[in-house]
């Protein structure tokens, strides 16, 4: 079998989200694209820090949910003429 079919959770800039949402008590650690399995130990550490303190770990501060609205993409993927629409 040389094919695979499935859903890949990825953001428009190819970087994950590790942040809290506007819904109280709802946090997000998603959008890891193809590297999620390899990044699990580090992302788990950063996610646990966020859950325990309510503040993003310094390593994960760039992985904000509002980075597209702010124009603060991490990579260049999805940076079209209107990145807020991606």
PDB file of N, CA and C in Angstrom:
ATOM      1  N   UNK A   1       0.854  -1.183   0.000  1.00  0.00           N
ATOM      2  CA  UNK A   1       0.000   0.000   0.000  1.00  0.00           C
ATOM      3  C   UNK A   1       0.889   1.231   0.000  1.00  0.00           C
ATOM      4  N   UNK A   2       0.784   2.036  -1.010  1.00  0.00           N
ATOM      5  CA  UNK A   2       1.638   3.205  -1.137  1.00  0.00           C
ATOM      6  C   UNK A   2       0.874   4.511  -1.005  1.00  0.00           C
ATOM      7  N   UNK A   3      -0.310   4.438  -0.491  1.00  0.00           N
ATOM      8  CA  UNK A   3      -1.104   5.656  -0.323  1.00  0.00           C
ATOM      9  C   UNK A   3      -1.647   5.697   1.096  1.00  0.00           C
ATOM     10  N   UNK A   4      -2.021   6.889   1.488  1.00  0.00           N
ATOM     11  CA  UNK A   4      -2.634   7.076   2.789  1.00  0.00           C
ATOM     12  C   UNK A   4      -3.736   8.104   2.636  1.00  0.00           C
ATOM     13  N   UNK A   5      -4.832   7.916   3.292  1.00  0.00           N
ATOM     14  CA  UNK A   5      -5.920   8.897   3.257  1.00  0.00           C
ATOM     15  C   UNK A   5      -6.300   9.247   4.680  1.00  0.00           C
ATOM     16  N   UNK A   6      -6.438  10.504   4.948  1.00  0.00           N
ATOM     17  CA  UNK A   6      -6.816  10.931   6.282  1.00  0.00           C
ATOM     18  C   UNK A   6      -6.788  12.437   6.399  1.00  0.00           C
ATOM     19  N   UNK A   7      -7.107  12.896   7.549  1.00  0.00           N
ATOM     20  CA  UNK A   7      -7.143  14.335   7.814  1.00  0.00           C
ATOM     21  C   UNK A   7      -5.865  14.735   8.534  1.00  0.00           C
ATOM     22  N   UNK A   8      -5.221  15.770   8.054  1.00  0.00           N
ATOM     23  CA  UNK A   8      -4.045  16.315   8.724  1.00  0.00           C
ATOM     24  C   UNK A   8      -4.441  17.643   9.361  1.00  0.00           C
ATOM     25  N   UNK A   9      -4.310  17.720  10.664  1.00  0.00           N
ATOM     26  CA  UNK A   9      -4.641  18.982  11.336  1.00  0.00           C
ATOM     27  C   UNK A   9      -3.450  19.920  11.223  1.00  0.00           C
ATOM     28  N   UNK A  10      -3.618  20.962  10.443  1.00  0.00           N
ATOM     29  CA  UNK A  10      -2.524  21.908  10.256  1.00  0.00           C
ATOM     30  C   UNK A  10      -3.084  23.312  10.110  1.00  0.00           C
ATOM     31  N   UNK A  11      -2.327  24.253  10.570  1.00  0.00           N
ATOM     32  CA  UNK A  11      -2.721  25.648  10.445  1.00  0.00           C
ATOM     33  C   UNK A  11      -2.226  26.203   9.111  1.00  0.00           C
ATOM     34  N   UNK A  12      -2.644  27.405   8.782  1.00  0.00           N
ATOM     35  CA  UNK A  12      -2.250  28.004   7.504  1.00  0.00           C
ATOM     36  C   UNK A  12      -0.753  28.304   7.413  1.00  0.00           C
ATOM     37  N   UNK A  13      -0.097  28.538   8.554  1.00  0.00           N
ATOM     38  CA  UNK A  13       1.342  28.804   8.490  1.00  0.00           C
ATOM     39  C   UNK A  13       2.172  27.575   8.837  1.00  0.00           C
ATOM     40  N   UNK A  14       1.503  26.429   9.012  1.00  0.00           N
ATOM     41  CA  UNK A  14       2.212  25.188   9.261  1.00  0.00           C
ATOM     42  C   UNK A  14       2.724  25.021  10.674  1.00  0.00           C
ATOM     43  N   UNK A  15       2.350  25.911  11.568  1.00  0.00           N
ATOM     44  CA  UNK A  15       2.788  25.848  12.967  1.00  0.00           C
ATOM     45  C   UNK A  15       1.593  25.594  13.866  1.00  0.00           C
ATOM     46  N   UNK A  16       1.809  24.976  15.011  1.00  0.00           N
ATOM     47  CA  UNK A  16       0.700  24.591  15.878  1.00  0.00           C
ATOM     48  C   UNK A  16       0.103  25.766  16.665  1.00  0.00           C
ATOM     49  N   UNK A  17      -0.951  25.451  17.376  1.00  0.00           N
ATOM     50  CA  UNK A  17      -1.554  26.365  18.345  1.00  0.00           C
ATOM     51  C   UNK A  17      -1.392  25.748  19.726  1.00  0.00           C
ATOM     52  N   UNK A  18      -0.856  26.506  20.661  1.00  0.00           N
ATOM     53  CA  UNK A  18      -0.850  26.118  22.081  1.00  0.00           C
ATOM     54  C   UNK A  18      -1.310  27.365  22.814  1.00  0.00           C
ATOM     55  N   UNK A  19      -2.591  27.416  23.120  1.00  0.00           N
ATOM     56  CA  UNK A  19      -3.145  28.648  23.681  1.00  0.00           C
ATOM     57  C   UNK A  19      -4.479  28.351  24.346  1.00  0.00           C
ATOM     58  N   UNK A  20      -4.956  29.285  25.115  1.00  0.00           N
ATOM     59  CA  UNK A  20      -6.308  29.173  25.657  1.00  0.00           C
ATOM     60  C   UNK A  20      -7.258  29.858  24.680  1.00  0.00           C
ATOM     61  N   UNK A  21      -8.517  29.485  24.743  1.00  0.00           N
ATOM     62  CA  UNK A  21      -9.523  30.066  23.870  1.00  0.00           C
ATOM     63  C   UNK A  21     -10.325  31.106  24.646  1.00  0.00           C
ATOM     64  N   UNK A  22     -11.265  31.745  23.967  1.00  0.00           N
ATOM     65  CA  UNK A  22     -12.129  32.711  24.627  1.00  0.00           C
ATOM     66  C   UNK A  22     -13.164  32.025  25.517  1.00  0.00           C
ATOM     67  N   UNK A  23     -13.319  30.701  25.386  1.00  0.00           N
ATOM     68  CA  UNK A  23     -14.236  29.937  26.215  1.00  0.00           C
ATOM     69  C   UNK A  23     -13.512  29.556  27.501  1.00  0.00           C
ATOM     70  N   UNK A  24     -14.087  29.921  28.632  1.00  0.00           N
ATOM     71  CA  UNK A  24     -13.433  29.653  29.918  1.00  0.00           C
ATOM     72  C   UNK A  24     -13.165  28.161  30.102  1.00  0.00           C
ATOM     73  N   UNK A  25     -11.920  27.834  30.434  1.00  0.00           N
ATOM     74  CA  UNK A  25     -11.520  26.462  30.686  1.00  0.00           C
ATOM     75  C   UNK A  25     -11.214  25.640  29.438  1.00  0.00           C
ATOM     76  N   UNK A  26     -11.287  26.242  28.261  1.00  0.00           N
ATOM     77  CA  UNK A  26     -11.013  25.520  27.020  1.00  0.00           C
ATOM     78  C   UNK A  26      -9.653  25.947  26.466  1.00  0.00           C
ATOM     79  N   UNK A  27      -8.742  24.995  26.405  1.00  0.00           N
ATOM     80  CA  UNK A  27      -7.386  25.223  25.916  1.00  0.00           C
ATOM     81  C   UNK A  27      -7.172  24.394  24.667  1.00  0.00           C
ATOM     82  N   UNK A  28      -6.222  24.794  23.846  1.00  0.00           N
ATOM     83  CA  UNK A  28      -6.007  24.125  22.575  1.00  0.00           C
ATOM     84  C   UNK A  28      -4.520  23.818  22.365  1.00  0.00           C
ATOM     85  N   UNK A  29      -4.249  22.593  21.948  1.00  0.00           N
ATOM     86  CA  UNK A  29      -2.913  22.163  21.536  1.00  0.00           C
ATOM     87  C   UNK A  29      -3.123  21.345  20.270  1.00  0.00           C
ATOM     88  N   UNK A  30      -3.074  22.005  19.115  1.00  0.00           N
ATOM     89  CA  UNK A  30      -3.459  21.345  17.868  1.00  0.00           C
ATOM     90  C   UNK A  30      -2.739  21.976  16.687  1.00  0.00           C
ATOM     91  N   UNK A  31      -2.992  21.402  15.498  1.00  0.00           N
ATOM     92  CA  UNK A  31      -2.451  21.949  14.263  1.00  0.00           C
ATOM     93  C   UNK A  31      -0.993  21.614  14.037  1.00  0.00           C
ATOM     94  N   UNK A  32      -0.581  20.473  14.509  1.00  0.00           N
ATOM     95  CA  UNK A  32       0.842  20.107  14.455  1.00  0.00           C
ATOM     96  C   UNK A  32       1.293  19.586  13.107  1.00  0.00           C
ATOM     97  N   UNK A  33       0.392  19.469  12.157  1.00  0.00           N
ATOM     98  CA  UNK A  33       0.765  19.038  10.817  1.00  0.00           C
ATOM     99  C   UNK A  33       1.390  17.647  10.887  1.00  0.00           C
ATOM    100  N   UNK A  34       2.554  17.468  10.347  1.00  0.00           N
ATOM    101  CA  UNK A  34       3.184  16.149  10.313  1.00  0.00           C
ATOM    102  C   UNK A  34       4.156  15.939  11.469  1.00  0.00           C
ATOM    103  N   UNK A  35       4.453  16.954  12.248  1.00  0.00           N
ATOM    104  CA  UNK A  35       5.478  16.851  13.278  1.00  0.00           C
ATOM    105  C   UNK A  35       4.960  16.664  14.690  1.00  0.00           C
ATOM    106  N   UNK A  36       3.661  16.461  14.857  1.00  0.00           N
ATOM    107  CA  UNK A  36       3.082  16.382  16.190  1.00  0.00           C
ATOM    108  C   UNK A  36       3.629  15.257  17.044  1.00  0.00           C
ATOM    109  N   UNK A  37       3.803  14.079  16.452  1.00  0.00           N
ATOM    110  CA  UNK A  37       4.287  12.946  17.225  1.00  0.00           C
ATOM    111  C   UNK A  37       5.684  13.212  17.781  1.00  0.00           C
ATOM    112  N   UNK A  38       6.530  13.807  16.971  1.00  0.00           N
ATOM    113  CA  UNK A  38       7.904  14.084  17.403  1.00  0.00           C
ATOM    114  C   UNK A  38       7.964  15.204  18.432  1.00  0.00           C
ATOM    115  N   UNK A  39       7.002  16.107  18.380  1.00  0.00           N
ATOM    116  CA  UNK A  39       7.018  17.267  19.269  1.00  0.00           C
ATOM    117  C   UNK A  39       6.207  17.048  20.546  1.00  0.00           C
ATOM    118  N   UNK A  40       5.629  15.875  20.711  1.00  0.00           N
ATOM    119  CA  UNK A  40       4.751  15.624  21.853  1.00  0.00           C
ATOM    120  C   UNK A  40       5.392  15.914  23.211  1.00  0.00           C
ATOM    121  N   UNK A  41       6.606  15.473  23.500  1.00  0.00           N
ATOM    122  CA  UNK A  41       7.176  15.769  24.822  1.00  0.00           C
ATOM    123  C   UNK A  41       7.306  17.268  25.101  1.00  0.00           C
ATOM    124  N   UNK A  42       7.817  18.009  24.153  1.00  0.00           N
ATOM    125  CA  UNK A  42       7.998  19.449  24.359  1.00  0.00           C
ATOM    126  C   UNK A  42       6.664  20.179  24.404  1.00  0.00           C
ATOM    127  N   UNK A  43       5.752  19.822  23.506  1.00  0.00           N
ATOM    128  CA  UNK A  43       4.458  20.504  23.502  1.00  0.00           C
ATOM    129  C   UNK A  43       3.668  20.168  24.754  1.00  0.00           C
ATOM    130  N   UNK A  44       3.807  18.938  25.231  1.00  0.00           N
ATOM    131  CA  UNK A  44       3.138  18.550  26.480  1.00  0.00           C
ATOM    132  C   UNK A  44       3.645  19.353  27.663  1.00  0.00           C
ATOM    133  N   UNK A  45       4.925  19.584  27.694  1.00  0.00           N
ATOM    134  CA  UNK A  45       5.522  20.397  28.760  1.00  0.00           C
ATOM    135  C   UNK A  45       4.985  21.830  28.709  1.00  0.00           C
ATOM    136  N   UNK A  46       4.960  22.397  27.513  1.00  0.00           N
ATOM    137  CA  UNK A  46       4.456  23.771  27.347  1.00  0.00           C
ATOM    138  C   UNK A  46       2.965  23.847  27.635  1.00  0.00           C
ATOM    139  N   UNK A  47       2.229  22.835  27.216  1.00  0.00           N
ATOM    140  CA  UNK A  47       0.789  22.797  27.448  1.00  0.00           C
ATOM    141  C   UNK A  47       0.486  22.673  28.941  1.00  0.00           C
ATOM    142  N   UNK A  48       1.228  21.819  29.626  1.00  0.00           N
ATOM    143  CA  UNK A  48       1.045  21.669  31.077  1.00  0.00           C
ATOM    144  C   UNK A  48       1.339  22.982  31.797  1.00  0.00           C
ATOM    145  N   UNK A  49       2.347  23.700  31.345  1.00  0.00           N
ATOM    146  CA  UNK A  49       2.674  24.998  31.929  1.00  0.00           C
ATOM    147  C   UNK A  49       1.506  25.969  31.751  1.00  0.00           C
ATOM    148  N   UNK A  50       0.922  25.979  30.554  1.00  0.00           N
ATOM    149  CA  UNK A  50      -0.223  26.847  30.280  1.00  0.00           C
ATOM    150  C   UNK A  50      -1.407  26.479  31.174  1.00  0.00           C
ATOM    151  N   UNK A  51      -1.684  25.203  31.307  1.00  0.00           N
ATOM    152  CA  UNK A  51      -2.807  24.762  32.141  1.00  0.00           C
ATOM    153  C   UNK A  51      -2.589  25.085  33.614  1.00  0.00           C
ATOM    154  N   UNK A  52      -1.356  24.919  34.080  1.00  0.00           N
ATOM    155  CA  UNK A  52      -1.059  25.125  35.501  1.00  0.00           C
ATOM    156  C   UNK A  52      -0.971  26.603  35.887  1.00  0.00           C
ATOM    157  N   UNK A  53      -0.486  27.429  34.988  1.00  0.00           N
ATOM    158  CA  UNK A  53      -0.242  28.833  35.348  1.00  0.00           C
ATOM    159  C   UNK A  53      -1.182  29.824  34.665  1.00  0.00           C
ATOM    160  N   UNK A  54      -1.818  29.399  33.573  1.00  0.00           N
ATOM    161  CA  UNK A  54      -2.649  30.314  32.806  1.00  0.00           C
ATOM    162  C   UNK A  54      -1.843  31.208  31.877  1.00  0.00           C
ATOM    163  N   UNK A  55      -0.541  31.016  31.853  1.00  0.00           N
ATOM    164  CA  UNK A  55       0.355  31.809  31.006  1.00  0.00           C
ATOM    165  C   UNK A  55       1.099  30.883  30.041  1.00  0.00           C
ATOM    166  N   UNK A  56       1.309  31.357  28.836  1.00  0.00           N
ATOM    167  CA  UNK A  56       2.068  30.556  27.864  1.00  0.00           C
ATOM    168  C   UNK A  56       3.518  30.417  28.308  1.00  0.00           C
ATOM    169  N   UNK A  57       4.057  29.233  28.100  1.00  0.00           N
ATOM    170  CA  UNK A  57       5.484  29.010  28.346  1.00  0.00           C
ATOM    171  C   UNK A  57       6.259  29.846  27.331  1.00  0.00           C
ATOM    172  N   UNK A  58       7.412  30.363  27.722  1.00  0.00           N
ATOM    173  CA  UNK A  58       8.170  31.237  26.824  1.00  0.00           C
ATOM    174  C   UNK A  58       8.502  30.571  25.490  1.00  0.00           C
ATOM    175  N   UNK A  59       8.666  29.255  25.482  1.00  0.00           N
ATOM    176  CA  UNK A  59       8.960  28.535  24.249  1.00  0.00           C
ATOM    177  C   UNK A  59       7.764  28.515  23.306  1.00  0.00           C
ATOM    178  N   UNK A  60       6.555  28.597  23.848  1.00  0.00           N
ATOM    179  CA  UNK A  60       5.339  28.463  23.038  1.00  0.00           C
ATOM    180  C   UNK A  60       4.585  29.773  22.843  1.00  0.00           C
ATOM    181  N   UNK A  61       5.158  30.884  23.229  1.00  0.00           N
ATOM    182  CA  UNK A  61       4.430  32.161  23.124  1.00  0.00           C
ATOM    183  C   UNK A  61       4.055  32.543  21.705  1.00  0.00           C
ATOM    184  N   UNK A  62       4.789  32.088  20.733  1.00  0.00           N
ATOM    185  CA  UNK A  62       4.474  32.414  19.337  1.00  0.00           C
ATOM    186  C   UNK A  62       3.297  31.612  18.796  1.00  0.00           C
ATOM    187  N   UNK A  63       2.938  30.528  19.470  1.00  0.00           N
ATOM    188  CA  UNK A  63       1.890  29.635  18.981  1.00  0.00           C
ATOM    189  C   UNK A  63       0.502  30.090  19.432  1.00  0.00           C
ATOM    190  N   UNK A  64       0.235  31.367  19.317  1.00  0.00           N
ATOM    191  CA  UNK A  64      -1.019  31.969  19.773  1.00  0.00           C
ATOM    192  C   UNK A  64      -2.135  31.747  18.756  1.00  0.00           C
ATOM    193  N   UNK A  65      -3.355  31.701  19.239  1.00  0.00           N
ATOM    194  CA  UNK A  65      -4.508  31.567  18.350  1.00  0.00           C
ATOM    195  C   UNK A  65      -4.751  32.825  17.521  1.00  0.00           C
ATOM    196  N   UNK A  66      -4.398  33.962  18.040  1.00  0.00           N
ATOM    197  CA  UNK A  66      -4.698  35.222  17.343  1.00  0.00           C
ATOM    198  C   UNK A  66      -3.573  35.691  16.418  1.00  0.00           C
ATOM    199  N   UNK A  67      -2.594  34.850  16.136  1.00  0.00           N
ATOM    200  CA  UNK A  67      -1.457  35.311  15.345  1.00  0.00           C
ATOM    201  C   UNK A  67      -1.835  35.683  13.914  1.00  0.00           C
ATOM    202  N   UNK A  68      -2.863  35.085  13.350  1.00  0.00           N
ATOM    203  CA  UNK A  68      -3.278  35.456  11.994  1.00  0.00           C
ATOM    204  C   UNK A  68      -3.962  36.820  11.999  1.00  0.00           C
ATOM    205  N   UNK A  69      -4.788  37.042  12.988  1.00  0.00           N
ATOM    206  CA  UNK A  69      -5.461  38.341  13.102  1.00  0.00           C
ATOM    207  C   UNK A  69      -4.453  39.454  13.323  1.00  0.00           C
ATOM    208  N   UNK A  70      -3.389  39.148  14.072  1.00  0.00           N
ATOM    209  CA  UNK A  70      -2.360  40.142  14.370  1.00  0.00           C
ATOM    210  C   UNK A  70      -1.303  40.258  13.269  1.00  0.00           C
ATOM    211  N   UNK A  71      -1.328  39.335  12.316  1.00  0.00           N
ATOM    212  CA  UNK A  71      -0.313  39.344  11.262  1.00  0.00           C
ATOM    213  C   UNK A  71       1.034  38.855  11.747  1.00  0.00           C
ATOM    214  N   UNK A  72       1.033  37.971  12.745  1.00  0.00           N
ATOM    215  CA  UNK A  72       2.274  37.477  13.351  1.00  0.00           C
ATOM    216  C   UNK A  72       2.485  35.998  13.034  1.00  0.00           C
ATOM    217  N   UNK A  73       2.401  35.651  11.736  1.00  0.00           N
ATOM    218  CA  UNK A  73       2.589  34.260  11.346  1.00  0.00           C
ATOM    219  C   UNK A  73       4.015  33.807  11.658  1.00  0.00           C
ATOM    220  N   UNK A  74       4.159  32.534  11.908  1.00  0.00           N
ATOM    221  CA  UNK A  74       5.464  31.985  12.252  1.00  0.00           C
ATOM    222  C   UNK A  74       6.230  31.597  10.999  1.00  0.00           C
ATOM    223  N   UNK A  75       5.541  31.034  10.029  1.00  0.00           N
ATOM    224  CA  UNK A  75       6.148  30.625   8.772  1.00  0.00           C
ATOM    225  C   UNK A  75       5.470  31.422   7.666  1.00  0.00           C
ATOM    226  N   UNK A  76       5.886  31.247   6.450  1.00  0.00           N
ATOM    227  CA  UNK A  76       5.346  32.039   5.354  1.00  0.00           C
ATOM    228  C   UNK A  76       4.159  31.400   4.655  1.00  0.00           C
ATOM    229  N   UNK A  77       3.797  30.193   5.001  1.00  0.00           N
ATOM    230  CA  UNK A  77       2.643  29.555   4.378  1.00  0.00           C
ATOM    231  C   UNK A  77       1.375  30.298   4.791  1.00  0.00           C
ATOM    232  N   UNK A  78       0.458  30.484   3.894  1.00  0.00           N
ATOM    233  CA  UNK A  78      -0.806  31.123   4.225  1.00  0.00           C
ATOM    234  C   UNK A  78      -0.732  32.625   4.371  1.00  0.00           C
ATOM    235  N   UNK A  79       0.375  33.212   4.020  1.00  0.00           N
ATOM    236  CA  UNK A  79       0.519  34.657   4.156  1.00  0.00           C
ATOM    237  C   UNK A  79       0.167  35.302   2.821  1.00  0.00           C
ATOM    238  N   UNK A  80      -1.104  35.252   2.488  1.00  0.00           N
ATOM    239  CA  UNK A  80      -1.558  35.851   1.245  1.00  0.00           C
ATOM    240  C   UNK A  80      -1.825  37.333   1.433  1.00  0.00           C
ATOM    241  N   UNK A  81      -2.543  37.874   0.479  1.00  0.00           N
ATOM    242  CA  UNK A  81      -2.863  39.306   0.536  1.00  0.00           C
ATOM    243  C   UNK A  81      -3.747  39.641   1.732  1.00  0.00           C
ATOM    244  N   UNK A  82      -4.535  38.658   2.170  1.00  0.00           N
ATOM    245  CA  UNK A  82      -5.419  38.878   3.305  1.00  0.00           C
ATOM    246  C   UNK A  82      -5.291  37.705   4.276  1.00  0.00           C
ATOM    247  N   UNK A  83      -4.223  37.644   5.079  1.00  0.00           N
ATOM    248  CA  UNK A  83      -4.020  36.493   5.969  1.00  0.00           C
ATOM    249  C   UNK A  83      -5.119  36.343   7.005  1.00  0.00           C
ATOM    250  N   UNK A  84      -5.858  37.416   7.281  1.00  0.00           N
ATOM    251  CA  UNK A  84      -6.945  37.311   8.248  1.00  0.00           C
ATOM    252  C   UNK A  84      -8.097  36.471   7.707  1.00  0.00           C
ATOM    253  N   UNK A  85      -8.128  36.198   6.407  1.00  0.00           N
ATOM    254  CA  UNK A  85      -9.194  35.404   5.812  1.00  0.00           C
ATOM    255  C   UNK A  85      -8.848  33.923   5.722  1.00  0.00           C
ATOM    256  N   UNK A  86      -7.646  33.525   6.051  1.00  0.00           N
ATOM    257  CA  UNK A  86      -7.239  32.119   5.957  1.00  0.00           C
ATOM    258  C   UNK A  86      -7.826  31.311   7.065  1.00  0.00           C
TER     259      UNK A  86
END
